[in-house]
Amino acid sequence: MGKKRRMPEKEYRASRICRVLGNPTAYQIMKMLIIEGKMTPTGMSKKLGLTIASISKTLRNLRQIDLVRYETESYVKKYFIKDKAVVKIFNTLEKYVEKIKDKKF
């Protein structure tokens, strides 16, 4: 057997972002943070109708891939988008989805 080729780090990280954002909950959280700004897990839970456990697990995954951060205010964590470049990626992705949705194949 041949030696496995190792994926370059940039490609590996990009694939991890795609994998995490493939989770509808992660996508919803990111979209909400883009629109609403800083939010608590409890606020996200109420707005999305999901359990805090589900929100917390997803936020942990989003933190691990460096898409979100949090700050603590009076013992409460408020999450936010780490880099505004993410907003551009979401806008581009949604424009693309609209474009392919309108095409007849």
Protein backbone atom coordinates (compact mmCIF):
# COMPACT_ATOMS: atom_id res chain seq x y z
CA MET A 1 0.00 0.00 0.00
CA GLY A 2 1.10 3.51 -0.76
CA LYS A 3 1.58 6.27 1.72
CA LYS A 4 -1.50 8.39 2.46
CA ARG A 5 -1.17 11.96 1.26
CA ARG A 6 -1.81 14.40 4.06
CA MET A 7 -4.30 17.18 3.33
CA PRO A 8 -2.83 20.69 3.54
CA GLU A 9 -3.92 22.51 6.70
CA LYS A 10 -5.84 25.22 4.84
CA GLU A 11 -7.94 22.64 2.99
CA TYR A 12 -8.46 20.61 6.15
CA ARG A 13 -9.72 23.65 8.09
CA ALA A 14 -12.02 24.68 5.24
CA SER A 15 -13.48 21.17 5.12
CA ARG A 16 -14.12 21.26 8.88
CA ILE A 17 -16.00 24.55 8.54
CA CYS A 18 -18.15 23.04 5.79
CA ARG A 19 -18.80 19.95 7.91
CA VAL A 20 -19.89 21.98 10.96
CA LEU A 21 -22.05 24.36 8.93
CA GLY A 22 -23.70 21.31 7.35
CA ASN A 23 -25.53 20.99 10.65
CA PRO A 24 -28.78 22.99 10.29
CA THR A 25 -28.58 24.10 13.94
CA ALA A 26 -25.10 25.54 13.38
CA TYR A 27 -26.29 27.34 10.27
CA GLN A 28 -29.30 28.77 12.13
CA ILE A 29 -27.13 29.95 15.02
CA MET A 30 -24.66 31.63 12.69
CA LYS A 31 -27.43 33.30 10.72
CA MET A 32 -29.06 34.53 13.93
CA LEU A 33 -25.78 35.96 15.23
CA ILE A 34 -25.23 37.73 11.91
CA ILE A 35 -28.68 39.33 12.09
CA GLU A 36 -29.11 39.85 15.84
CA GLY A 37 -25.55 40.42 17.01
CA LYS A 38 -24.45 39.18 20.44
CA MET A 39 -26.73 36.61 22.04
CA THR A 40 -26.82 34.27 25.00
CA PRO A 41 -27.37 30.52 24.61
CA THR A 42 -30.68 30.94 26.47
CA GLY A 43 -31.82 33.61 24.01
CA MET A 44 -30.84 31.41 21.08
CA SER A 45 -32.66 28.47 22.62
CA LYS A 46 -35.87 30.46 23.01
CA LYS A 47 -35.67 31.98 19.55
CA LEU A 48 -34.91 28.68 17.77
CA GLY A 49 -37.07 26.47 19.97
CA LEU A 50 -34.18 24.12 20.69
CA THR A 51 -32.74 22.84 23.97
CA ILE A 52 -29.91 24.70 25.64
CA ALA A 53 -27.90 21.45 25.49
CA SER A 54 -28.25 21.37 21.70
CA ILE A 55 -27.34 25.06 21.39
CA SER A 56 -24.35 24.66 23.73
CA LYS A 57 -22.98 21.65 21.86
CA THR A 58 -23.29 23.47 18.55
CA LEU A 59 -21.67 26.62 19.95
CA ARG A 60 -18.75 24.51 21.18
CA ASN A 61 -18.30 23.16 17.64
CA LEU A 62 -18.47 26.67 16.20
CA ARG A 63 -15.88 27.89 18.71
CA GLN A 64 -13.54 25.01 17.88
CA ILE A 65 -13.43 26.08 14.23
CA ASP A 66 -13.01 29.76 15.17
CA LEU A 67 -16.30 31.08 13.78
CA VAL A 68 -17.70 32.40 17.05
CA ARG A 69 -16.38 33.80 20.30
CA TYR A 70 -17.99 34.83 23.55
CA GLU A 71 -17.56 37.44 26.20
CA THR A 72 -18.78 37.18 29.75
CA GLU A 73 -20.99 39.94 31.11
CA SER A 74 -22.22 39.51 34.71
CA TYR A 75 -21.58 35.75 34.58
CA VAL A 76 -23.53 35.41 31.31
CA LYS A 77 -21.83 34.35 28.08
CA LYS A 78 -22.77 36.35 25.02
CA TYR A 79 -21.71 34.86 21.70
CA PHE A 80 -20.80 36.77 18.56
CA ILE A 81 -19.32 36.24 15.09
CA LYS A 82 -15.53 36.29 15.35
CA ASP A 83 -14.77 37.80 11.94
CA LYS A 84 -16.95 39.86 9.61
CA ALA A 85 -15.57 37.89 6.65
CA VAL A 86 -17.98 35.13 7.71
CA VAL A 87 -20.89 37.47 6.98
CA LYS A 88 -19.65 37.86 3.40
CA ILE A 89 -19.37 34.09 3.03
CA PHE A 90 -22.96 33.61 4.21
CA ASN A 91 -24.26 36.33 1.89
CA THR A 92 -22.41 34.83 -1.07
CA LEU A 93 -23.64 31.33 -0.25
CA GLU A 94 -27.25 32.43 0.04
CA LYS A 95 -27.04 34.41 -3.22
CA TYR A 96 -25.70 31.30 -4.91
CA VAL A 97 -28.55 29.18 -3.51
CA GLU A 98 -31.08 31.70 -4.86
CA LYS A 99 -29.38 31.61 -8.24
CA ILE A 100 -29.46 27.82 -8.55
CA LYS A 101 -32.99 27.67 -7.13
CA ASP A 102 -34.26 29.89 -9.94
CA LYS A 103 -32.62 27.86 -12.70
CA LYS A 104 -34.50 25.04 -14.34
CA PHE A 105 -32.30 22.00 -14.95
